[in-house]
N, C-alpha and C. Protein backbone atom coordinates (compact mmCIF):
# COMPACT_ATOMS: atom_id res chain seq x y z
N MET A 1 1.07 -7.25 -15.36
CA MET A 1 1.87 -6.44 -14.47
C MET A 1 3.34 -6.73 -14.72
N SER A 2 4.11 -5.69 -14.67
CA SER A 2 5.56 -5.87 -14.92
C SER A 2 6.24 -6.39 -13.64
N ALA A 3 7.33 -7.12 -13.86
CA ALA A 3 8.07 -7.69 -12.76
C ALA A 3 8.66 -6.62 -11.87
N ALA A 4 9.15 -5.53 -12.46
CA ALA A 4 9.73 -4.46 -11.69
C ALA A 4 8.67 -3.79 -10.78
N TYR A 5 7.51 -3.57 -11.34
CA TYR A 5 6.41 -2.96 -10.53
C TYR A 5 6.07 -3.82 -9.34
N VAL A 6 5.85 -5.12 -9.56
CA VAL A 6 5.47 -6.04 -8.50
C VAL A 6 6.58 -6.15 -7.46
N THR A 7 7.81 -6.36 -7.96
CA THR A 7 8.94 -6.52 -7.03
C THR A 7 9.19 -5.30 -6.16
N LEU A 8 9.25 -4.15 -6.80
CA LEU A 8 9.51 -2.91 -6.01
C LEU A 8 8.38 -2.62 -5.05
N THR A 9 7.16 -2.86 -5.47
CA THR A 9 6.03 -2.60 -4.57
C THR A 9 6.07 -3.52 -3.37
N VAL A 10 6.32 -4.80 -3.58
CA VAL A 10 6.36 -5.74 -2.46
C VAL A 10 7.57 -5.44 -1.54
N VAL A 11 8.74 -5.15 -2.13
CA VAL A 11 9.91 -4.86 -1.31
C VAL A 11 9.68 -3.60 -0.45
N THR A 12 9.15 -2.57 -1.07
CA THR A 12 8.88 -1.32 -0.36
C THR A 12 7.83 -1.55 0.76
N ALA A 13 6.78 -2.32 0.46
CA ALA A 13 5.79 -2.63 1.46
C ALA A 13 6.38 -3.39 2.63
N VAL A 14 7.26 -4.35 2.34
CA VAL A 14 7.91 -5.12 3.43
C VAL A 14 8.81 -4.20 4.26
N PHE A 15 9.61 -3.35 3.59
CA PHE A 15 10.48 -2.42 4.31
C PHE A 15 9.70 -1.51 5.26
N THR A 16 8.68 -0.86 4.68
CA THR A 16 7.92 0.10 5.48
C THR A 16 7.08 -0.60 6.53
N GLY A 17 6.57 -1.77 6.20
CA GLY A 17 5.81 -2.55 7.19
C GLY A 17 6.70 -2.98 8.33
N ALA A 18 7.89 -3.42 8.05
CA ALA A 18 8.82 -3.79 9.12
C ALA A 18 9.19 -2.58 9.97
N ALA A 19 9.38 -1.45 9.34
CA ALA A 19 9.67 -0.21 10.09
C ALA A 19 8.51 0.13 11.02
N ALA A 20 7.29 -0.01 10.52
CA ALA A 20 6.10 0.26 11.32
C ALA A 20 6.06 -0.66 12.55
N VAL A 21 6.38 -1.92 12.35
CA VAL A 21 6.38 -2.89 13.45
C VAL A 21 7.44 -2.52 14.48
N THR A 22 8.61 -2.08 14.08
CA THR A 22 9.64 -1.71 15.06
C THR A 22 9.19 -0.50 15.90
N TYR A 23 8.45 0.42 15.28
CA TYR A 23 7.88 1.53 16.04
C TYR A 23 6.82 1.04 17.00
N LEU A 24 5.96 0.12 16.55
CA LEU A 24 4.85 -0.34 17.37
C LEU A 24 5.29 -1.18 18.54
N ILE A 25 6.34 -2.00 18.39
CA ILE A 25 6.78 -2.84 19.51
C ILE A 25 7.69 -2.14 20.47
N GLY A 26 8.07 -0.89 20.15
CA GLY A 26 8.88 -0.10 21.05
C GLY A 26 10.35 -0.49 20.99
N HIS A 27 10.81 -0.91 19.82
CA HIS A 27 12.23 -1.27 19.64
C HIS A 27 13.13 -0.09 19.97
N ASP A 28 14.32 -0.37 20.42
CA ASP A 28 15.24 0.73 20.83
C ASP A 28 15.66 1.66 19.70
N TYR A 29 15.82 1.11 18.44
CA TYR A 29 16.28 1.96 17.35
C TYR A 29 15.34 3.12 17.06
N PRO A 30 14.05 2.91 16.87
CA PRO A 30 13.16 4.08 16.63
C PRO A 30 13.12 5.02 17.77
N ARG A 31 13.19 4.51 19.00
CA ARG A 31 13.19 5.39 20.16
C ARG A 31 14.44 6.28 20.19
N ALA A 32 15.59 5.67 19.85
CA ALA A 32 16.84 6.45 19.77
C ALA A 32 16.75 7.48 18.68
N GLN A 33 16.13 7.12 17.56
CA GLN A 33 16.01 8.08 16.47
C GLN A 33 15.12 9.25 16.87
N LEU A 34 14.04 9.00 17.59
CA LEU A 34 13.17 10.08 18.04
C LEU A 34 13.92 10.99 19.02
N ARG A 35 14.67 10.38 19.94
CA ARG A 35 15.46 11.21 20.88
C ARG A 35 16.49 12.03 20.14
N MET A 36 17.21 11.44 19.21
CA MET A 36 18.24 12.12 18.46
C MET A 36 17.66 13.32 17.68
N LYS A 37 16.46 13.13 17.14
CA LYS A 37 15.82 14.16 16.34
C LYS A 37 15.00 15.13 17.21
N ARG A 38 15.07 14.91 18.52
CA ARG A 38 14.36 15.73 19.48
C ARG A 38 12.85 15.83 19.18
N LEU A 39 12.27 14.68 18.93
CA LEU A 39 10.84 14.58 18.68
C LEU A 39 10.18 13.91 19.87
N PRO A 40 8.95 14.26 20.16
CA PRO A 40 8.26 13.66 21.32
C PRO A 40 8.02 12.16 21.10
N MET A 41 8.10 11.38 22.16
CA MET A 41 7.94 9.90 22.09
C MET A 41 6.56 9.52 21.59
N TRP A 42 5.56 10.35 21.86
CA TRP A 42 4.21 9.97 21.42
C TRP A 42 4.10 9.99 19.90
N TRP A 43 5.04 10.62 19.21
CA TRP A 43 5.04 10.62 17.74
C TRP A 43 5.28 9.22 17.19
N ARG A 44 5.82 8.36 18.03
CA ARG A 44 6.15 6.97 17.62
C ARG A 44 4.88 6.32 17.05
N TRP A 45 3.72 6.54 17.70
CA TRP A 45 2.48 5.92 17.24
C TRP A 45 2.01 6.52 15.93
N MET A 46 2.15 7.82 15.77
CA MET A 46 1.75 8.45 14.56
C MET A 46 2.61 8.02 13.38
N LEU A 47 3.93 7.97 13.62
CA LEU A 47 4.86 7.57 12.55
C LEU A 47 4.62 6.11 12.19
N ALA A 48 4.38 5.26 13.16
CA ALA A 48 4.08 3.86 12.92
C ALA A 48 2.83 3.71 12.07
N GLY A 49 1.81 4.55 12.40
CA GLY A 49 0.57 4.48 11.64
C GLY A 49 0.74 4.93 10.19
N MET A 50 1.58 5.95 9.99
CA MET A 50 1.82 6.42 8.61
C MET A 50 2.57 5.34 7.83
N LEU A 51 3.56 4.71 8.44
CA LEU A 51 4.32 3.67 7.75
C LEU A 51 3.43 2.45 7.45
N ALA A 52 2.64 2.06 8.41
CA ALA A 52 1.73 0.92 8.22
C ALA A 52 0.69 1.21 7.12
N ALA A 53 0.15 2.43 7.15
CA ALA A 53 -0.83 2.83 6.13
C ALA A 53 -0.19 2.83 4.76
N GLY A 54 1.04 3.29 4.69
CA GLY A 54 1.75 3.31 3.42
C GLY A 54 1.99 1.90 2.87
N ALA A 55 2.44 1.03 3.78
CA ALA A 55 2.68 -0.37 3.35
C ALA A 55 1.41 -1.06 2.89
N LEU A 56 0.34 -0.86 3.65
CA LEU A 56 -0.94 -1.46 3.28
C LEU A 56 -1.50 -0.87 1.99
N GLY A 57 -1.33 0.42 1.85
CA GLY A 57 -1.76 1.11 0.63
C GLY A 57 -1.04 0.61 -0.59
N LEU A 58 0.25 0.38 -0.45
CA LEU A 58 1.01 -0.18 -1.63
C LEU A 58 0.46 -1.50 -2.02
N LEU A 59 0.20 -2.36 -1.07
CA LEU A 59 -0.34 -3.71 -1.41
C LEU A 59 -1.75 -3.64 -1.95
N LEU A 60 -2.56 -2.77 -1.38
CA LEU A 60 -3.92 -2.61 -1.92
C LEU A 60 -3.91 -2.00 -3.30
N GLY A 61 -2.81 -1.35 -3.64
CA GLY A 61 -2.66 -0.76 -4.97
C GLY A 61 -2.69 -1.79 -6.11
N PHE A 62 -2.45 -3.05 -5.79
CA PHE A 62 -2.59 -4.10 -6.82
C PHE A 62 -4.04 -4.21 -7.26
N ALA A 63 -4.98 -3.97 -6.36
CA ALA A 63 -6.40 -4.04 -6.67
C ALA A 63 -6.96 -2.69 -7.09
N VAL A 64 -6.49 -1.62 -6.42
CA VAL A 64 -6.98 -0.25 -6.68
C VAL A 64 -5.74 0.61 -7.01
N PRO A 65 -5.36 0.73 -8.28
CA PRO A 65 -4.15 1.41 -8.66
C PRO A 65 -3.94 2.79 -8.09
N LEU A 66 -5.02 3.57 -8.02
CA LEU A 66 -4.88 4.94 -7.49
C LEU A 66 -4.43 4.93 -6.03
N LEU A 67 -4.91 3.95 -5.29
CA LEU A 67 -4.52 3.84 -3.87
C LEU A 67 -3.03 3.54 -3.72
N GLY A 68 -2.51 2.67 -4.58
CA GLY A 68 -1.07 2.36 -4.55
C GLY A 68 -0.24 3.56 -4.93
N THR A 69 -0.68 4.33 -5.90
CA THR A 69 0.04 5.51 -6.33
C THR A 69 0.05 6.56 -5.21
N LEU A 70 -1.08 6.76 -4.59
CA LEU A 70 -1.17 7.73 -3.48
C LEU A 70 -0.31 7.27 -2.29
N ALA A 71 -0.30 5.98 -2.01
CA ALA A 71 0.51 5.44 -0.89
C ALA A 71 1.98 5.68 -1.18
N ALA A 72 2.41 5.40 -2.41
CA ALA A 72 3.84 5.60 -2.76
C ALA A 72 4.18 7.07 -2.66
N GLY A 73 3.31 7.95 -3.11
CA GLY A 73 3.56 9.38 -3.02
C GLY A 73 3.60 9.86 -1.57
N GLY A 74 2.71 9.30 -0.76
CA GLY A 74 2.70 9.64 0.66
C GLY A 74 3.98 9.21 1.38
N LEU A 75 4.48 8.04 1.00
CA LEU A 75 5.71 7.55 1.61
C LEU A 75 6.91 8.39 1.17
N VAL A 76 6.90 8.84 -0.07
CA VAL A 76 7.99 9.74 -0.50
C VAL A 76 7.97 11.01 0.34
N LEU A 77 6.79 11.57 0.60
CA LEU A 77 6.67 12.75 1.42
C LEU A 77 7.11 12.46 2.86
N TYR A 78 6.75 11.29 3.38
CA TYR A 78 7.14 10.86 4.71
C TYR A 78 8.66 10.88 4.84
N PHE A 79 9.35 10.26 3.90
CA PHE A 79 10.80 10.16 3.99
C PHE A 79 11.49 11.50 3.65
N ALA A 80 10.82 12.38 2.88
CA ALA A 80 11.35 13.71 2.70
C ALA A 80 11.33 14.44 4.04
N GLY A 81 10.26 14.27 4.79
CA GLY A 81 10.18 14.86 6.13
C GLY A 81 11.23 14.24 7.07
N ALA A 82 11.51 12.96 6.92
CA ALA A 82 12.55 12.34 7.74
C ALA A 82 13.93 12.95 7.43
N LEU A 83 14.17 13.26 6.16
CA LEU A 83 15.43 13.92 5.80
C LEU A 83 15.53 15.29 6.49
N ILE A 84 14.44 16.04 6.45
CA ILE A 84 14.43 17.34 7.09
C ILE A 84 14.70 17.19 8.59
N ALA A 85 14.09 16.20 9.22
CA ALA A 85 14.31 15.98 10.64
C ALA A 85 15.78 15.65 10.94
N HIS A 86 16.39 14.84 10.07
CA HIS A 86 17.82 14.53 10.25
C HIS A 86 18.69 15.79 10.10
N LEU A 87 18.45 16.52 9.07
CA LEU A 87 19.27 17.70 8.79
C LEU A 87 19.07 18.78 9.85
N ARG A 88 17.89 18.86 10.40
CA ARG A 88 17.57 19.90 11.40
C ARG A 88 18.44 19.75 12.63
N VAL A 89 18.78 18.51 12.98
CA VAL A 89 19.61 18.27 14.18
C VAL A 89 21.08 18.03 13.84
N GLY A 90 21.40 18.16 12.57
CA GLY A 90 22.79 18.01 12.15
C GLY A 90 23.24 16.57 11.97
N SER A 91 22.31 15.64 11.86
CA SER A 91 22.66 14.22 11.67
C SER A 91 23.09 13.99 10.23
N ARG A 92 24.21 13.33 10.06
CA ARG A 92 24.68 13.03 8.72
C ARG A 92 24.69 11.52 8.47
N ASP A 93 24.12 10.76 9.38
CA ASP A 93 23.98 9.30 9.23
C ASP A 93 22.69 9.04 8.45
N LEU A 94 22.81 9.07 7.14
CA LEU A 94 21.63 8.99 6.27
C LEU A 94 21.52 7.71 5.49
N THR A 95 22.32 6.70 5.87
CA THR A 95 22.32 5.44 5.10
C THR A 95 20.93 4.78 5.15
N GLY A 96 20.40 4.62 6.34
CA GLY A 96 19.05 3.97 6.44
C GLY A 96 18.01 4.77 5.73
N TRP A 97 18.06 6.09 5.94
CA TRP A 97 17.11 6.94 5.25
C TRP A 97 17.19 6.77 3.72
N ALA A 98 18.42 6.73 3.20
CA ALA A 98 18.62 6.63 1.78
C ALA A 98 18.05 5.34 1.20
N VAL A 99 18.19 4.24 1.91
CA VAL A 99 17.64 2.98 1.43
C VAL A 99 16.12 3.08 1.32
N PHE A 100 15.47 3.58 2.35
CA PHE A 100 14.02 3.72 2.34
C PHE A 100 13.60 4.72 1.24
N PHE A 101 14.29 5.85 1.15
CA PHE A 101 13.87 6.88 0.22
C PHE A 101 14.02 6.41 -1.23
N VAL A 102 15.14 5.79 -1.53
CA VAL A 102 15.38 5.33 -2.89
C VAL A 102 14.40 4.25 -3.30
N THR A 103 14.10 3.31 -2.42
CA THR A 103 13.14 2.30 -2.79
C THR A 103 11.74 2.87 -2.94
N THR A 104 11.42 3.82 -2.11
CA THR A 104 10.08 4.45 -2.20
C THR A 104 9.94 5.29 -3.46
N VAL A 105 10.96 6.04 -3.79
CA VAL A 105 10.90 6.86 -5.03
C VAL A 105 10.87 5.93 -6.26
N ALA A 106 11.65 4.87 -6.24
CA ALA A 106 11.63 3.93 -7.35
C ALA A 106 10.27 3.30 -7.48
N THR A 107 9.64 2.97 -6.39
CA THR A 107 8.29 2.40 -6.41
C THR A 107 7.30 3.38 -7.01
N LEU A 108 7.40 4.62 -6.59
CA LEU A 108 6.48 5.67 -7.16
C LEU A 108 6.68 5.81 -8.66
N VAL A 109 7.94 5.86 -9.11
CA VAL A 109 8.22 6.03 -10.52
C VAL A 109 7.71 4.82 -11.30
N VAL A 110 7.99 3.63 -10.83
CA VAL A 110 7.59 2.42 -11.56
C VAL A 110 6.06 2.35 -11.55
N THR A 111 5.41 2.72 -10.46
CA THR A 111 3.94 2.72 -10.41
C THR A 111 3.36 3.68 -11.40
N LEU A 112 3.92 4.88 -11.47
CA LEU A 112 3.40 5.87 -12.45
C LEU A 112 3.63 5.39 -13.88
N LEU A 113 4.74 4.76 -14.13
CA LEU A 113 5.02 4.26 -15.48
C LEU A 113 4.13 3.05 -15.81
N HIS A 114 3.83 2.28 -14.81
CA HIS A 114 3.00 1.08 -15.01
C HIS A 114 1.58 1.45 -15.43
N TYR A 115 1.06 2.50 -14.84
CA TYR A 115 -0.30 2.88 -15.14
C TYR A 115 -0.26 4.13 -15.99
C-alpha cells in the first residue's frame, strides 16, 4: 500500500468521523449550520449516519477495496450536496466545506489510482 493512500484514507476517516460525532452529540456548530441552511433538525441524525458510514467504509476499504472506493465516492457526493446547500442560502463561508471536500476528493483519486 502506498503511503499517500493510507495517509489520506486515515485523515479523511478521522475528519468525517469527528464530524459525525459532533452531529451525534448535538454540538452547537452543526445545529447552527442546519439552521443557517434552513434544514430540519432531525436531518442531524441522517447526516451523522452518512458521515459515520463514510468514515467506517473508508477504513473497511483496507480489507475490502471496493467498499473503500464506494465510501470515498459517497462522501464526495455528500460534500457536493453540502455545497449546494450552502449556495442555496447564499452562504459564502466555504472554508470548512473546502477542507472536507478536497480531502475527500483526494482520497477518492488516490484510492482509484491505488487499485
